[in-house]
Amino acid sequence: MERLGQDDDSPTADPGLLYRTLRQMEQEGLVRSTWDMAKPGPARRVYEITEEGLEHLHVWAINIRRTRARLDHFLAKYEALVPSWGEER
């Protein structure tokens, strides 16, 4: 959660949405959680990706690569058709 807001380009994370998503992912077997009580202060829940979650992540990455390839193909055709509009504005 702390790392999500460090990049200036990324929006700040909604803690409620983040933890609801993590709970759903845990119910689906994609992550597991434990309580970390070793540090001073309140106990913190620590999440770890499961083997099933890692497989899911690999499939997701493959789909993103395919989508990116289709988008790159589209942009190349677009820029060939209308070169002056291919420049970043």
C-alpha atoms as a PDB file:
ATOM      1  CA  MET A   1       0.000   0.000   0.000  1.00  0.00           C
ATOM      2  CA  GLU A   2       2.823   2.377   0.881  1.00  0.00           C
ATOM      3  CA  ARG A   3       4.615   1.713  -2.425  1.00  0.00           C
ATOM      4  CA  LEU A   4       1.543   2.360  -4.585  1.00  0.00           C
ATOM      5  CA  GLY A   5       1.559   6.104  -3.936  1.00  0.00           C
ATOM      6  CA  GLN A   6       5.298   6.649  -4.460  1.00  0.00           C
ATOM      7  CA  ASP A   7       5.206   7.061  -8.250  1.00  0.00           C
ATOM      8  CA  ASP A   8       4.159  10.596  -9.222  1.00  0.00           C
ATOM      9  CA  ASP A   9       2.290   9.303 -12.279  1.00  0.00           C
ATOM     10  CA  SER A  10       0.187   6.755 -10.405  1.00  0.00           C
ATOM     11  CA  PRO A  11      -3.004   7.680  -8.617  1.00  0.00           C
ATOM     12  CA  THR A  12      -3.179   7.143  -4.885  1.00  0.00           C
ATOM     13  CA  ALA A  13      -4.641   3.794  -3.910  1.00  0.00           C
ATOM     14  CA  ASP A  14      -8.040   3.491  -2.280  1.00  0.00           C
ATOM     15  CA  PRO A  15      -7.326   1.356   0.819  1.00  0.00           C
ATOM     16  CA  GLY A  16     -10.869  -0.015   0.956  1.00  0.00           C
ATOM     17  CA  LEU A  17     -10.785  -1.136  -2.672  1.00  0.00           C
ATOM     18  CA  LEU A  18      -7.299  -2.583  -2.280  1.00  0.00           C
ATOM     19  CA  TYR A  19      -8.217  -4.712   0.746  1.00  0.00           C
ATOM     20  CA  ARG A  20     -11.539  -5.847  -0.775  1.00  0.00           C
ATOM     21  CA  THR A  21      -9.619  -6.940  -3.858  1.00  0.00           C
ATOM     22  CA  LEU A  22      -7.010  -8.772  -1.772  1.00  0.00           C
ATOM     23  CA  ARG A  23      -9.748 -10.548   0.215  1.00  0.00           C
ATOM     24  CA  GLN A  24     -11.432 -11.612  -3.029  1.00  0.00           C
ATOM     25  CA  MET A  25      -8.120 -12.827  -4.416  1.00  0.00           C
ATOM     26  CA  GLU A  26      -7.568 -14.795  -1.205  1.00  0.00           C
ATOM     27  CA  GLN A  27     -10.999 -16.414  -1.525  1.00  0.00           C
ATOM     28  CA  GLU A  28     -10.104 -17.389  -5.100  1.00  0.00           C
ATOM     29  CA  GLY A  29      -6.815 -18.932  -3.936  1.00  0.00           C
ATOM     30  CA  LEU A  30      -4.613 -16.420  -5.744  1.00  0.00           C
ATOM     31  CA  VAL A  31      -2.984 -15.055  -2.564  1.00  0.00           C
ATOM     32  CA  ARG A  32      -2.734 -16.113   1.068  1.00  0.00           C
ATOM     33  CA  SER A  33      -2.291 -13.931   4.106  1.00  0.00           C
ATOM     34  CA  THR A  34      -0.798 -14.165   7.561  1.00  0.00           C
ATOM     35  CA  TRP A  35      -0.632 -11.782  10.486  1.00  0.00           C
ATOM     36  CA  ASP A  36       2.755 -10.182  11.192  1.00  0.00           C
ATOM     37  CA  MET A  37       2.946  -9.494  14.904  1.00  0.00           C
ATOM     38  CA  ALA A  38       6.746  -9.359  15.158  1.00  0.00           C
ATOM     39  CA  LYS A  39       7.005  -5.600  14.706  1.00  0.00           C
ATOM     40  CA  PRO A  40       5.954  -3.078  17.341  1.00  0.00           C
ATOM     41  CA  GLY A  41       2.490  -1.598  16.938  1.00  0.00           C
ATOM     42  CA  PRO A  42      -0.654  -3.181  15.644  1.00  0.00           C
ATOM     43  CA  ALA A  43      -0.483  -6.497  13.805  1.00  0.00           C
ATOM     44  CA  ARG A  44      -0.294  -6.206  10.032  1.00  0.00           C
ATOM     45  CA  ARG A  45      -1.689  -8.592   7.451  1.00  0.00           C
ATOM     46  CA  VAL A  46       0.968  -9.761   4.982  1.00  0.00           C
ATOM     47  CA  TYR A  47      -0.061 -11.147   1.583  1.00  0.00           C
ATOM     48  CA  GLU A  48       1.839 -13.671  -0.520  1.00  0.00           C
ATOM     49  CA  ILE A  49       1.045 -14.904  -4.028  1.00  0.00           C
ATOM     50  CA  THR A  50       0.176 -18.597  -4.357  1.00  0.00           C
ATOM     51  CA  GLU A  51       1.209 -20.987  -7.147  1.00  0.00           C
ATOM     52  CA  GLU A  52      -2.281 -20.612  -8.618  1.00  0.00           C
ATOM     53  CA  GLY A  53      -1.939 -16.837  -8.367  1.00  0.00           C
ATOM     54  CA  LEU A  54       1.413 -16.963 -10.142  1.00  0.00           C
ATOM     55  CA  GLU A  55      -0.115 -19.003 -12.977  1.00  0.00           C
ATOM     56  CA  HIS A  56      -2.959 -16.492 -13.201  1.00  0.00           C
ATOM     57  CA  LEU A  57      -0.396 -13.674 -13.356  1.00  0.00           C
ATOM     58  CA  HIS A  58       1.511 -15.396 -16.175  1.00  0.00           C
ATOM     59  CA  VAL A  59      -1.672 -15.800 -18.241  1.00  0.00           C
ATOM     60  CA  TRP A  60      -2.585 -12.170 -17.591  1.00  0.00           C
ATOM     61  CA  ALA A  61       0.871 -11.033 -18.757  1.00  0.00           C
ATOM     62  CA  ILE A  62       0.506 -13.073 -21.971  1.00  0.00           C
ATOM     63  CA  ASN A  63      -2.851 -11.403 -22.656  1.00  0.00           C
ATOM     64  CA  ILE A  64      -1.368  -7.951 -22.017  1.00  0.00           C
ATOM     65  CA  ARG A  65       1.494  -8.683 -24.456  1.00  0.00           C
ATOM     66  CA  ARG A  66      -1.019  -9.751 -27.129  1.00  0.00           C
ATOM     67  CA  THR A  67      -3.086  -6.614 -26.560  1.00  0.00           C
ATOM     68  CA  ARG A  68       0.043  -4.450 -26.735  1.00  0.00           C
ATOM     69  CA  ALA A  69       1.048  -6.124 -30.028  1.00  0.00           C
ATOM     70  CA  ARG A  70      -2.392  -5.399 -31.493  1.00  0.00           C
ATOM     71  CA  LEU A  71      -2.195  -1.784 -30.322  1.00  0.00           C
ATOM     72  CA  ASP A  72       1.313  -1.383 -31.749  1.00  0.00           C
ATOM     73  CA  HIS A  73       0.069  -2.804 -35.066  1.00  0.00           C
ATOM     74  CA  PHE A  74      -2.861  -0.380 -35.065  1.00  0.00           C
ATOM     75  CA  LEU A  75      -0.606   2.610 -34.276  1.00  0.00           C
ATOM     76  CA  ALA A  76       1.857   1.681 -37.019  1.00  0.00           C
ATOM     77  CA  LYS A  77      -0.984   1.525 -39.583  1.00  0.00           C
ATOM     78  CA  TYR A  78      -2.440   4.769 -38.245  1.00  0.00           C
ATOM     79  CA  GLU A  79       0.895   6.615 -38.372  1.00  0.00           C
ATOM     80  CA  ALA A  80       1.505   5.388 -41.934  1.00  0.00           C
ATOM     81  CA  LEU A  81      -1.905   6.682 -42.952  1.00  0.00           C
ATOM     82  CA  VAL A  82      -1.731  10.034 -41.143  1.00  0.00           C
ATOM     83  CA  PRO A  83       1.971  10.729 -40.372  1.00  0.00           C
ATOM     84  CA  SER A  84       1.520  14.222 -38.971  1.00  0.00           C
ATOM     85  CA  TRP A  85      -0.913  12.957 -36.315  1.00  0.00           C
ATOM     86  CA  GLY A  86       1.520  10.252 -35.167  1.00  0.00           C
ATOM     87  CA  GLU A  87       3.563  12.804 -33.226  1.00  0.00           C
ATOM     88  CA  GLU A  88       2.879  13.128 -29.519  1.00  0.00           C
ATOM     89  CA  ARG A  89       0.995  16.278 -28.687  1.00  0.00           C
END
